[in-house]
């Protein structure tokens, strides 16, 4: 049975998929329909279910596994499925949501081991004890959650994969530039997105929680740092703690991108750029994996809706 992204234009689609997102919408004539995003381990494929009934709205929700039939078409140069038949799976048919999800390319146990290695590199007692306490409470979610609902690292384990990628970069940058505090940069790299275990619902059909919608992961992790510091009887006004909070609060770089303050220390500026670099490379990688050589990718929302060219020469280039 073909995976979702293996179907080409005008192919007949007949497969199982996970409903990743389901929005109830109205047509221009006031008729109700469902805007759906289907998912399997190859990626996503959207589709609309027209003239939808109340029973279908209740049944076809995020996290449900369905059998879908239709035709692979496109809308505004983006692939979609024109649905002809859809139903929930029956007994004996595929029903394990994990089988329909993209996963990080590194095993969970390997990421757990790497996380612990980086924590050991943080010897500052305030930063070390805070990082240990926060991961003691959230390590399993950190290893399993995506880093986003749809933009970068939007796959199971993506949160840890992204954060550990930044930690690797942090070590290299600090080795190259000894004036950058490696321990603070590592603490920031590991903690900067940990609030997403509160902001997001989990790896299956990821949605934003109420706190995620109303508060956001940056403020949520800062709150957790303050709560942990109080439990550890740390002075929240100490420079160690203020520096760590600043690095994390400013990591989006600009206030219009969600940070309450812009980076004002060297480590904060470095973390912002490493975070952006890793996120951007992942978004481009995901788009280019679905692009033929010597063609332009689809527009990437998180990169100002730009399209990127996939060159034979660039793909085969090697650094000596």
C-alpha atoms as a PDB file:
ATOM      1  CA  UNK A   1       0.000   0.000   0.000  1.00  0.00           C
ATOM      2  CA  UNK A   2       1.369   3.401  -1.010  1.00  0.00           C
ATOM      3  CA  UNK A   3       2.235   6.089   1.497  1.00  0.00           C
ATOM      4  CA  UNK A   4       0.532   9.472   1.210  1.00  0.00           C
ATOM      5  CA  UNK A   5       3.401  11.376  -0.385  1.00  0.00           C
ATOM      6  CA  UNK A   6       4.041   8.599  -2.932  1.00  0.00           C
ATOM      7  CA  UNK A   7       0.810   9.342  -4.792  1.00  0.00           C
ATOM      8  CA  UNK A   8       1.215  11.467  -7.910  1.00  0.00           C
ATOM      9  CA  UNK A   9      -1.185  13.849  -9.626  1.00  0.00           C
ATOM     10  CA  UNK A  10      -4.425  12.069 -10.719  1.00  0.00           C
ATOM     11  CA  UNK A  11      -3.506   8.808  -8.924  1.00  0.00           C
ATOM     12  CA  UNK A  12      -6.341   6.895  -7.287  1.00  0.00           C
ATOM     13  CA  UNK A  13      -5.788   7.023  -3.508  1.00  0.00           C
ATOM     14  CA  UNK A  14      -6.721   4.024  -1.365  1.00  0.00           C
ATOM     15  CA  UNK A  15      -4.948   3.921   1.988  1.00  0.00           C
ATOM     16  CA  UNK A  16      -5.065   4.324   5.752  1.00  0.00           C
ATOM     17  CA  UNK A  17      -4.022   7.551   7.472  1.00  0.00           C
ATOM     18  CA  UNK A  18      -4.083   9.423  10.753  1.00  0.00           C
ATOM     19  CA  UNK A  19      -6.138  12.610  10.968  1.00  0.00           C
ATOM     20  CA  UNK A  20      -3.592  15.193  12.059  1.00  0.00           C
ATOM     21  CA  UNK A  21      -5.922  18.194  12.016  1.00  0.00           C
ATOM     22  CA  UNK A  22      -9.651  18.784  11.484  1.00  0.00           C
ATOM     23  CA  UNK A  23     -11.228  22.229  11.189  1.00  0.00           C
ATOM     24  CA  UNK A  24     -14.951  22.838  10.739  1.00  0.00           C
ATOM     25  CA  UNK A  25     -15.440  25.559   8.114  1.00  0.00           C
ATOM     26  CA  UNK A  26     -18.164  27.147   5.992  1.00  0.00           C
ATOM     27  CA  UNK A  27     -18.306  27.486   2.215  1.00  0.00           C
ATOM     28  CA  UNK A  28     -19.251  30.807   0.606  1.00  0.00           C
ATOM     29  CA  UNK A  29     -22.806  29.511   0.411  1.00  0.00           C
ATOM     30  CA  UNK A  30     -22.879  28.707   4.132  1.00  0.00           C
ATOM     31  CA  UNK A  31     -22.506  24.921   3.895  1.00  0.00           C
ATOM     32  CA  UNK A  32     -20.407  23.130   6.520  1.00  0.00           C
ATOM     33  CA  UNK A  33     -17.292  21.172   5.521  1.00  0.00           C
ATOM     34  CA  UNK A  34     -14.252  19.656   7.219  1.00  0.00           C
ATOM     35  CA  UNK A  35     -10.769  20.841   6.314  1.00  0.00           C
ATOM     36  CA  UNK A  36      -8.616  17.794   7.093  1.00  0.00           C
ATOM     37  CA  UNK A  37      -4.907  17.049   7.158  1.00  0.00           C
ATOM     38  CA  UNK A  38      -4.045  13.379   6.826  1.00  0.00           C
ATOM     39  CA  UNK A  39      -0.688  12.016   7.962  1.00  0.00           C
ATOM     40  CA  UNK A  40       1.458   8.909   7.787  1.00  0.00           C
ATOM     41  CA  UNK A  41       5.170   8.258   8.233  1.00  0.00           C
ATOM     42  CA  UNK A  42       5.894   9.815   4.811  1.00  0.00           C
ATOM     43  CA  UNK A  43       4.311  13.198   5.567  1.00  0.00           C
ATOM     44  CA  UNK A  44       0.993  15.032   5.251  1.00  0.00           C
ATOM     45  CA  UNK A  45      -1.736  15.377   2.638  1.00  0.00           C
ATOM     46  CA  UNK A  46      -4.692  17.780   3.085  1.00  0.00           C
ATOM     47  CA  UNK A  47      -8.217  17.245   1.846  1.00  0.00           C
ATOM     48  CA  UNK A  48     -11.730  18.648   2.276  1.00  0.00           C
ATOM     49  CA  UNK A  49     -14.821  16.640   3.204  1.00  0.00           C
ATOM     50  CA  UNK A  50     -17.816  18.470   1.735  1.00  0.00           C
ATOM     51  CA  UNK A  51     -21.429  18.509   2.954  1.00  0.00           C
ATOM     52  CA  UNK A  52     -20.287  17.047   6.241  1.00  0.00           C
ATOM     53  CA  UNK A  53     -22.755  15.720   8.806  1.00  0.00           C
ATOM     54  CA  UNK A  54     -22.680  16.296  12.562  1.00  0.00           C
ATOM     55  CA  UNK A  55     -21.854  12.618  13.025  1.00  0.00           C
ATOM     56  CA  UNK A  56     -18.857  12.930  10.723  1.00  0.00           C
ATOM     57  CA  UNK A  57     -17.660  16.033  12.583  1.00  0.00           C
ATOM     58  CA  UNK A  58     -17.767  14.037  15.833  1.00  0.00           C
ATOM     59  CA  UNK A  59     -16.016  11.015  14.278  1.00  0.00           C
ATOM     60  CA  UNK A  60     -13.272  12.539  12.141  1.00  0.00           C
ATOM     61  CA  UNK A  61     -11.238  14.276  14.827  1.00  0.00           C
ATOM     62  CA  UNK A  62      -7.475  14.726  15.310  1.00  0.00           C
ATOM     63  CA  UNK A  63      -5.921  11.419  16.295  1.00  0.00           C
ATOM     64  CA  UNK A  64      -8.503   9.217  14.527  1.00  0.00           C
ATOM     65  CA  UNK A  65      -7.234   6.632  12.037  1.00  0.00           C
ATOM     66  CA  UNK A  66      -9.278   6.375   8.858  1.00  0.00           C
ATOM     67  CA  UNK A  67      -9.516   4.528   5.563  1.00  0.00           C
ATOM     68  CA  UNK A  68      -9.604   7.084   2.747  1.00  0.00           C
ATOM     69  CA  UNK A  69     -10.272   6.789  -0.969  1.00  0.00           C
ATOM     70  CA  UNK A  70     -10.134   9.507  -3.561  1.00  0.00           C
ATOM     71  CA  UNK A  71      -7.957  11.152  -6.194  1.00  0.00           C
ATOM     72  CA  UNK A  72      -4.640  12.895  -5.634  1.00  0.00           C
ATOM     73  CA  UNK A  73      -5.126  16.396  -6.997  1.00  0.00           C
ATOM     74  CA  UNK A  74      -3.781  19.845  -6.236  1.00  0.00           C
ATOM     75  CA  UNK A  75      -4.977  23.287  -5.210  1.00  0.00           C
ATOM     76  CA  UNK A  76      -2.899  26.436  -5.681  1.00  0.00           C
ATOM     77  CA  UNK A  77       0.061  24.241  -6.669  1.00  0.00           C
ATOM     78  CA  UNK A  78      -0.126  22.242  -3.439  1.00  0.00           C
ATOM     79  CA  UNK A  79      -1.072  18.544  -3.344  1.00  0.00           C
ATOM     80  CA  UNK A  80      -4.368  17.489  -1.810  1.00  0.00           C
ATOM     81  CA  UNK A  81      -6.740  14.538  -1.900  1.00  0.00           C
ATOM     82  CA  UNK A  82     -10.191  14.854  -3.423  1.00  0.00           C
ATOM     83  CA  UNK A  83     -12.058  12.579  -1.029  1.00  0.00           C
ATOM     84  CA  UNK A  84     -14.642  10.131  -2.390  1.00  0.00           C
ATOM     85  CA  UNK A  85     -14.919   7.772   0.603  1.00  0.00           C
ATOM     86  CA  UNK A  86     -13.779   8.019   4.218  1.00  0.00           C
ATOM     87  CA  UNK A  87     -14.502   5.902   7.296  1.00  0.00           C
ATOM     88  CA  UNK A  88     -12.996   4.991  10.641  1.00  0.00           C
ATOM     89  CA  UNK A  89     -10.909   1.815  10.690  1.00  0.00           C
ATOM     90  CA  UNK A  90     -12.488  -1.512  11.610  1.00  0.00           C
ATOM     91  CA  UNK A  91     -11.171  -4.256  13.851  1.00  0.00           C
ATOM     92  CA  UNK A  92      -8.117  -5.962  12.394  1.00  0.00           C
ATOM     93  CA  UNK A  93      -7.173  -2.884  10.361  1.00  0.00           C
ATOM     94  CA  UNK A  94      -4.230  -0.579  11.241  1.00  0.00           C
ATOM     95  CA  UNK A  95      -4.971   1.322  14.467  1.00  0.00           C
ATOM     96  CA  UNK A  96      -1.622   2.185  16.077  1.00  0.00           C
ATOM     97  CA  UNK A  97      -1.123   5.942  15.793  1.00  0.00           C
ATOM     98  CA  UNK A  98       2.650   5.584  16.166  1.00  0.00           C
ATOM     99  CA  UNK A  99       2.749   3.754  12.817  1.00  0.00           C
ATOM    100  CA  UNK A 100       1.378   6.868  11.078  1.00  0.00           C
ATOM    101  CA  UNK A 101       3.771   9.416  12.570  1.00  0.00           C
ATOM    102  CA  UNK A 102       7.062  10.861  11.460  1.00  0.00           C
ATOM    103  CA  UNK A 103       9.776  10.214  14.047  1.00  0.00           C
ATOM    104  CA  UNK A 104      13.116  11.814  14.823  1.00  0.00           C
ATOM    105  CA  UNK A 105      15.998  10.137  12.935  1.00  0.00           C
ATOM    106  CA  UNK A 106      17.756   9.369  16.234  1.00  0.00           C
ATOM    107  CA  UNK A 107      16.516   6.699  18.660  1.00  0.00           C
ATOM    108  CA  UNK A 108      14.941   7.903  21.881  1.00  0.00           C
ATOM    109  CA  UNK A 109      17.484   6.080  24.070  1.00  0.00           C
ATOM    110  CA  UNK A 110      20.353   7.685  22.159  1.00  0.00           C
ATOM    111  CA  UNK A 111      18.840  11.137  22.640  1.00  0.00           C
ATOM    112  CA  UNK A 112      18.357  10.414  26.362  1.00  0.00           C
ATOM    113  CA  UNK A 113      22.029   9.473  26.690  1.00  0.00           C
ATOM    114  CA  UNK A 114      23.162  12.559  24.761  1.00  0.00           C
ATOM    115  CA  UNK A 115      20.972  14.798  26.938  1.00  0.00           C
ATOM    116  CA  UNK A 116      22.576  13.424  30.095  1.00  0.00           C
ATOM    117  CA  UNK A 117      26.065  13.948  28.623  1.00  0.00           C
ATOM    118  CA  UNK A 118      25.328  17.633  28.010  1.00  0.00           C
ATOM    119  CA  UNK A 119      23.855  18.094  31.489  1.00  0.00           C
ATOM    120  CA  UNK A 120      27.131  16.763  32.929  1.00  0.00           C
ATOM    121  CA  UNK A 121      28.995  19.512  31.066  1.00  0.00           C
ATOM    122  CA  UNK A 122      27.092  22.164  33.050  1.00  0.00           C
ATOM    123  CA  UNK A 123      29.061  22.518  36.286  1.00  0.00           C
ATOM    124  CA  UNK A 124      27.684  25.871  37.473  1.00  0.00           C
ATOM    125  CA  UNK A 125      25.646  24.695  40.490  1.00  0.00           C
ATOM    126  CA  UNK A 126      22.646  26.966  39.861  1.00  0.00           C
ATOM    127  CA  UNK A 127      22.288  26.100  36.183  1.00  0.00           C
ATOM    128  CA  UNK A 128      23.071  22.414  36.721  1.00  0.00           C
ATOM    129  CA  UNK A 129      20.552  21.899  39.512  1.00  0.00           C
ATOM    130  CA  UNK A 130      17.845  23.815  37.647  1.00  0.00           C
ATOM    131  CA  UNK A 131      18.378  21.829  34.448  1.00  0.00           C
ATOM    132  CA  UNK A 132      18.379  18.549  36.384  1.00  0.00           C
ATOM    133  CA  UNK A 133      15.197  19.412  38.271  1.00  0.00           C
ATOM    134  CA  UNK A 134      13.298  20.521  35.199  1.00  0.00           C
ATOM    135  CA  UNK A 135      14.271  17.430  33.201  1.00  0.00           C
ATOM    136  CA  UNK A 136      13.482  15.148  36.132  1.00  0.00           C
ATOM    137  CA  UNK A 137       9.880  16.315  35.710  1.00  0.00           C
ATOM    138  CA  UNK A 138       9.680  16.500  31.904  1.00  0.00           C
ATOM    139  CA  UNK A 139      12.329  14.284  30.318  1.00  0.00           C
ATOM    140  CA  UNK A 140       9.936  11.744  28.777  1.00  0.00           C
ATOM    141  CA  UNK A 141       7.760  14.438  27.194  1.00  0.00           C
ATOM    142  CA  UNK A 142      10.913  16.226  25.996  1.00  0.00           C
ATOM    143  CA  UNK A 143      12.045  13.049  24.224  1.00  0.00           C
ATOM    144  CA  UNK A 144       8.650  12.307  22.642  1.00  0.00           C
ATOM    145  CA  UNK A 145       7.045  15.664  21.803  1.00  0.00           C
ATOM    146  CA  UNK A 146       7.438  17.527  18.510  1.00  0.00           C
ATOM    147  CA  UNK A 147       9.075  20.958  18.489  1.00  0.00           C
ATOM    148  CA  UNK A 148       6.087  22.509  16.695  1.00  0.00           C
ATOM    149  CA  UNK A 149       2.635  21.748  15.356  1.00  0.00           C
ATOM    150  CA  UNK A 150       3.534  22.382  11.727  1.00  0.00           C
ATOM    151  CA  UNK A 151       6.678  24.452  11.118  1.00  0.00           C
ATOM    152  CA  UNK A 152      10.056  23.033  12.120  1.00  0.00           C
ATOM    153  CA  UNK A 153      10.764  19.604  13.666  1.00  0.00           C
ATOM    154  CA  UNK A 154       7.033  18.830  13.646  1.00  0.00           C
ATOM    155  CA  UNK A 155       7.504  15.106  14.283  1.00  0.00           C
ATOM    156  CA  UNK A 156       7.617  12.784  17.287  1.00  0.00           C
ATOM    157  CA  UNK A 157      10.884  13.370  19.147  1.00  0.00           C
ATOM    158  CA  UNK A 158      11.402  16.631  17.282  1.00  0.00           C
ATOM    159  CA  UNK A 159      11.692  18.687  20.467  1.00  0.00           C
ATOM    160  CA  UNK A 160      14.686  16.711  21.731  1.00  0.00           C
ATOM    161  CA  UNK A 161      16.190  16.360  18.251  1.00  0.00           C
ATOM    162  CA  UNK A 162      16.064  20.146  17.762  1.00  0.00           C
ATOM    163  CA  UNK A 163      17.350  21.023  21.237  1.00  0.00           C
ATOM    164  CA  UNK A 164      20.196  18.515  21.064  1.00  0.00           C
ATOM    165  CA  UNK A 165      21.155  19.778  17.602  1.00  0.00           C
ATOM    166  CA  UNK A 166      21.525  23.236  19.103  1.00  0.00           C
ATOM    167  CA  UNK A 167      23.522  21.801  22.025  1.00  0.00           C
ATOM    168  CA  UNK A 168      25.976  20.231  19.536  1.00  0.00           C
ATOM    169  CA  UNK A 169      26.313  23.568  17.762  1.00  0.00           C
ATOM    170  CA  UNK A 170      26.723  25.317  21.125  1.00  0.00           C
ATOM    171  CA  UNK A 171      29.725  23.175  22.021  1.00  0.00           C
ATOM    172  CA  UNK A 172      31.365  23.873  18.655  1.00  0.00           C
ATOM    173  CA  UNK A 173      30.734  27.624  18.870  1.00  0.00           C
ATOM    174  CA  UNK A 174      32.049  27.842  22.435  1.00  0.00           C
ATOM    175  CA  UNK A 175      35.163  25.898  21.421  1.00  0.00           C
ATOM    176  CA  UNK A 176      35.687  28.283  18.507  1.00  0.00           C
ATOM    177  CA  UNK A 177      34.943  31.390  20.587  1.00  0.00           C
ATOM    178  CA  UNK A 178      36.163  30.936  24.183  1.00  0.00           C
ATOM    179  CA  UNK A 179      34.567  34.260  25.164  1.00  0.00           C
ATOM    180  CA  UNK A 180      31.164  32.526  24.860  1.00  0.00           C
ATOM    181  CA  UNK A 181      30.165  30.828  28.123  1.00  0.00           C
ATOM    182  CA  UNK A 182      29.680  27.190  27.097  1.00  0.00           C
ATOM    183  CA  UNK A 183      27.756  26.161  30.228  1.00  0.00           C
ATOM    184  CA  UNK A 184      25.206  28.954  29.977  1.00  0.00           C
ATOM    185  CA  UNK A 185      24.791  28.371  26.247  1.00  0.00           C
ATOM    186  CA  UNK A 186      24.229  24.642  26.848  1.00  0.00           C
ATOM    187  CA  UNK A 187      21.710  25.309  29.614  1.00  0.00           C
ATOM    188  CA  UNK A 188      19.862  27.683  27.303  1.00  0.00           C
ATOM    189  CA  UNK A 189      19.976  25.218  24.410  1.00  0.00           C
ATOM    190  CA  UNK A 190      18.477  22.415  26.493  1.00  0.00           C
ATOM    191  CA  UNK A 191      15.807  24.509  28.210  1.00  0.00           C
ATOM    192  CA  UNK A 192      14.814  27.100  25.606  1.00  0.00           C
ATOM    193  CA  UNK A 193      11.892  25.116  24.143  1.00  0.00           C
ATOM    194  CA  UNK A 194      11.049  22.916  27.141  1.00  0.00           C
ATOM    195  CA  UNK A 195       7.878  24.950  27.671  1.00  0.00           C
ATOM    196  CA  UNK A 196       6.508  23.197  24.589  1.00  0.00           C
ATOM    197  CA  UNK A 197       5.674  20.152  26.711  1.00  0.00           C
ATOM    198  CA  UNK A 198       3.005  22.445  28.213  1.00  0.00           C
ATOM    199  CA  UNK A 199       2.261  24.460  25.068  1.00  0.00           C
ATOM    200  CA  UNK A 200       1.538  21.400  22.897  1.00  0.00           C
ATOM    201  CA  UNK A 201      -0.786  18.439  23.432  1.00  0.00           C
ATOM    202  CA  UNK A 202       1.716  15.714  22.509  1.00  0.00           C
ATOM    203  CA  UNK A 203       3.127  13.858  19.495  1.00  0.00           C
ATOM    204  CA  UNK A 204      -0.181  12.456  18.179  1.00  0.00           C
ATOM    205  CA  UNK A 205      -2.254  14.926  16.120  1.00  0.00           C
ATOM    206  CA  UNK A 206      -0.514  17.809  17.870  1.00  0.00           C
ATOM    207  CA  UNK A 207      -2.688  20.732  18.958  1.00  0.00           C
ATOM    208  CA  UNK A 208      -2.044  23.828  21.059  1.00  0.00           C
ATOM    209  CA  UNK A 209      -3.253  23.587  24.655  1.00  0.00           C
ATOM    210  CA  UNK A 210      -5.170  26.388  26.353  1.00  0.00           C
ATOM    211  CA  UNK A 211      -1.949  27.561  28.032  1.00  0.00           C
ATOM    212  CA  UNK A 212      -0.147  27.260  24.725  1.00  0.00           C
ATOM    213  CA  UNK A 213      -2.644  29.500  22.988  1.00  0.00           C
ATOM    214  CA  UNK A 214      -2.948  32.060  25.772  1.00  0.00           C
ATOM    215  CA  UNK A 215       0.573  32.149  27.236  1.00  0.00           C
ATOM    216  CA  UNK A 216       3.111  30.469  24.932  1.00  0.00           C
ATOM    217  CA  UNK A 217       6.157  28.298  25.536  1.00  0.00           C
ATOM    218  CA  UNK A 218       8.641  31.094  26.288  1.00  0.00           C
ATOM    219  CA  UNK A 219       6.698  32.458  29.244  1.00  0.00           C
ATOM    220  CA  UNK A 220       5.716  28.937  30.322  1.00  0.00           C
ATOM    221  CA  UNK A 221       9.324  27.734  30.661  1.00  0.00           C
ATOM    222  CA  UNK A 222      10.332  30.947  32.420  1.00  0.00           C
ATOM    223  CA  UNK A 223       7.569  30.274  34.935  1.00  0.00           C
ATOM    224  CA  UNK A 224       8.841  26.721  35.444  1.00  0.00           C
ATOM    225  CA  UNK A 225      12.385  28.018  36.006  1.00  0.00           C
ATOM    226  CA  UNK A 226      11.178  30.448  38.689  1.00  0.00           C
ATOM    227  CA  UNK A 227       9.078  27.751  40.391  1.00  0.00           C
ATOM    228  CA  UNK A 228      12.024  25.332  40.371  1.00  0.00           C
ATOM    229  CA  UNK A 229      14.376  28.029  41.679  1.00  0.00           C
ATOM    230  CA  UNK A 230      12.025  28.749  44.574  1.00  0.00           C
ATOM    231  CA  UNK A 231      11.812  25.035  45.435  1.00  0.00           C
ATOM    232  CA  UNK A 232      15.615  24.862  45.411  1.00  0.00           C
ATOM    233  CA  UNK A 233      15.781  27.997  47.601  1.00  0.00           C
ATOM    234  CA  UNK A 234      17.762  29.942  45.000  1.00  0.00           C
ATOM    235  CA  UNK A 235      17.753  33.730  44.947  1.00  0.00           C
ATOM    236  CA  UNK A 236      15.735  34.540  41.815  1.00  0.00           C
ATOM    237  CA  UNK A 237      17.487  37.906  41.657  1.00  0.00           C
ATOM    238  CA  UNK A 238      20.968  36.361  41.521  1.00  0.00           C
ATOM    239  CA  UNK A 239      22.966  37.078  38.369  1.00  0.00           C
ATOM    240  CA  UNK A 240      23.215  33.360  37.539  1.00  0.00           C
ATOM    241  CA  UNK A 241      19.460  33.032  37.448  1.00  0.00           C
ATOM    242  CA  UNK A 242      18.775  36.344  35.716  1.00  0.00           C
ATOM    243  CA  UNK A 243      21.272  35.513  32.958  1.00  0.00           C
ATOM    244  CA  UNK A 244      19.701  32.092  32.332  1.00  0.00           C
ATOM    245  CA  UNK A 245      16.201  33.540  32.240  1.00  0.00           C
ATOM    246  CA  UNK A 246      17.317  36.272  29.822  1.00  0.00           C
ATOM    247  CA  UNK A 247      18.926  33.786  27.440  1.00  0.00           C
ATOM    248  CA  UNK A 248      15.684  31.827  27.243  1.00  0.00           C
ATOM    249  CA  UNK A 249      13.259  34.767  27.228  1.00  0.00           C
ATOM    250  CA  UNK A 250      15.104  36.426  24.316  1.00  0.00           C
ATOM    251  CA  UNK A 251      15.771  33.378  22.120  1.00  0.00           C
ATOM    252  CA  UNK A 252      13.212  34.361  19.434  1.00  0.00           C
ATOM    253  CA  UNK A 253      15.266  37.491  18.856  1.00  0.00           C
ATOM    254  CA  UNK A 254      12.477  39.996  18.224  1.00  0.00           C
ATOM    255  CA  UNK A 255       9.485  40.938  20.325  1.00  0.00           C
ATOM    256  CA  UNK A 256       7.168  40.573  17.326  1.00  0.00           C
ATOM    257  CA  UNK A 257       8.288  36.920  17.129  1.00  0.00           C
ATOM    258  CA  UNK A 258       7.267  36.219  20.724  1.00  0.00           C
ATOM    259  CA  UNK A 259      10.250  37.171  22.885  1.00  0.00           C
ATOM    260  CA  UNK A 260       9.401  39.726  25.580  1.00  0.00           C
ATOM    261  CA  UNK A 261      12.898  41.190  25.239  1.00  0.00           C
ATOM    262  CA  UNK A 262      15.670  41.227  22.618  1.00  0.00           C
ATOM    263  CA  UNK A 263      19.024  39.512  23.293  1.00  0.00           C
ATOM    264  CA  UNK A 264      21.265  41.759  25.370  1.00  0.00           C
ATOM    265  CA  UNK A 265      24.150  39.379  26.196  1.00  0.00           C
ATOM    266  CA  UNK A 266      26.566  37.502  23.945  1.00  0.00           C
ATOM    267  CA  UNK A 267      25.199  34.090  24.921  1.00  0.00           C
ATOM    268  CA  UNK A 268      21.610  35.209  24.325  1.00  0.00           C
ATOM    269  CA  UNK A 269      22.496  36.497  20.858  1.00  0.00           C
ATOM    270  CA  UNK A 270      24.332  33.282  19.991  1.00  0.00           C
ATOM    271  CA  UNK A 271      21.475  31.051  21.172  1.00  0.00           C
ATOM    272  CA  UNK A 272      18.985  33.050  19.108  1.00  0.00           C
ATOM    273  CA  UNK A 273      21.024  32.542  15.934  1.00  0.00           C
ATOM    274  CA  UNK A 274      21.675  28.836  16.604  1.00  0.00           C
ATOM    275  CA  UNK A 275      17.962  28.270  17.220  1.00  0.00           C
ATOM    276  CA  UNK A 276      17.054  30.062  14.001  1.00  0.00           C
ATOM    277  CA  UNK A 277      19.745  28.246  12.011  1.00  0.00           C
ATOM    278  CA  UNK A 278      18.630  24.795  13.128  1.00  0.00           C
ATOM    279  CA  UNK A 279      14.934  25.537  12.605  1.00  0.00           C
ATOM    280  CA  UNK A 280      15.529  27.020   9.143  1.00  0.00           C
ATOM    281  CA  UNK A 281      17.697  24.126   7.972  1.00  0.00           C
ATOM    282  CA  UNK A 282      15.033  21.645   9.098  1.00  0.00           C
ATOM    283  CA  UNK A 283      12.259  23.550   7.279  1.00  0.00           C
ATOM    284  CA  UNK A 284      14.325  23.700   4.084  1.00  0.00           C
ATOM    285  CA  UNK A 285      15.290  20.027   4.396  1.00  0.00           C
ATOM    286  CA  UNK A 286      11.663  18.943   4.769  1.00  0.00           C
ATOM    287  CA  UNK A 287      10.610  20.981   1.733  1.00  0.00           C
ATOM    288  CA  UNK A 288      13.528  19.909  -0.465  1.00  0.00           C
ATOM    289  CA  UNK A 289      12.992  16.225   0.338  1.00  0.00           C
ATOM    290  CA  UNK A 290       9.665  16.569  -1.512  1.00  0.00           C
ATOM    291  CA  UNK A 291      11.233  18.506  -4.414  1.00  0.00           C
ATOM    292  CA  UNK A 292      12.699  17.094  -7.612  1.00  0.00           C
ATOM    293  CA  UNK A 293      16.279  18.031  -8.509  1.00  0.00           C
ATOM    294  CA  UNK A 294      16.607  21.284 -10.458  1.00  0.00           C
ATOM    295  CA  UNK A 295      13.160  22.440  -9.312  1.00  0.00           C
ATOM    296  CA  UNK A 296      11.923  24.934  -6.725  1.00  0.00           C
ATOM    297  CA  UNK A 297      10.298  23.774  -3.506  1.00  0.00           C
ATOM    298  CA  UNK A 298       6.839  24.751  -2.370  1.00  0.00           C
ATOM    299  CA  UNK A 299       6.641  28.018  -0.467  1.00  0.00           C
ATOM    300  CA  UNK A 300       7.803  27.667   3.133  1.00  0.00           C
ATOM    301  CA  UNK A 301       5.542  29.611   5.483  1.00  0.00           C
ATOM    302  CA  UNK A 302       8.154  29.883   8.246  1.00  0.00           C
ATOM    303  CA  UNK A 303      10.702  31.369   5.827  1.00  0.00           C
ATOM    304  CA  UNK A 304       8.631  34.309   4.585  1.00  0.00           C
ATOM    305  CA  UNK A 305       6.852  32.044   2.080  1.00  0.00           C
ATOM    306  CA  UNK A 306      10.036  31.760   0.008  1.00  0.00           C
ATOM    307  CA  UNK A 307      10.726  28.877  -2.387  1.00  0.00           C
ATOM    308  CA  UNK A 308      14.135  27.188  -2.463  1.00  0.00           C
ATOM    309  CA  UNK A 309      15.943  25.679  -5.440  1.00  0.00           C
ATOM    310  CA  UNK A 310      17.181  22.082  -5.292  1.00  0.00           C
ATOM    311  CA  UNK A 311      20.316  21.822  -7.399  1.00  0.00           C
ATOM    312  CA  UNK A 312      22.083  18.646  -8.542  1.00  0.00           C
ATOM    313  CA  UNK A 313      25.358  20.429  -7.915  1.00  0.00           C
ATOM    314  CA  UNK A 314      24.443  21.514  -4.400  1.00  0.00           C
ATOM    315  CA  UNK A 315      23.174  18.063  -3.477  1.00  0.00           C
ATOM    316  CA  UNK A 316      26.404  16.360  -4.551  1.00  0.00           C
ATOM    317  CA  UNK A 317      28.809  18.955  -3.164  1.00  0.00           C
ATOM    318  CA  UNK A 318      31.235  17.661  -0.540  1.00  0.00           C
ATOM    319  CA  UNK A 319      33.483  19.570   1.829  1.00  0.00           C
ATOM    320  CA  UNK A 320      37.045  18.337   1.715  1.00  0.00           C
END
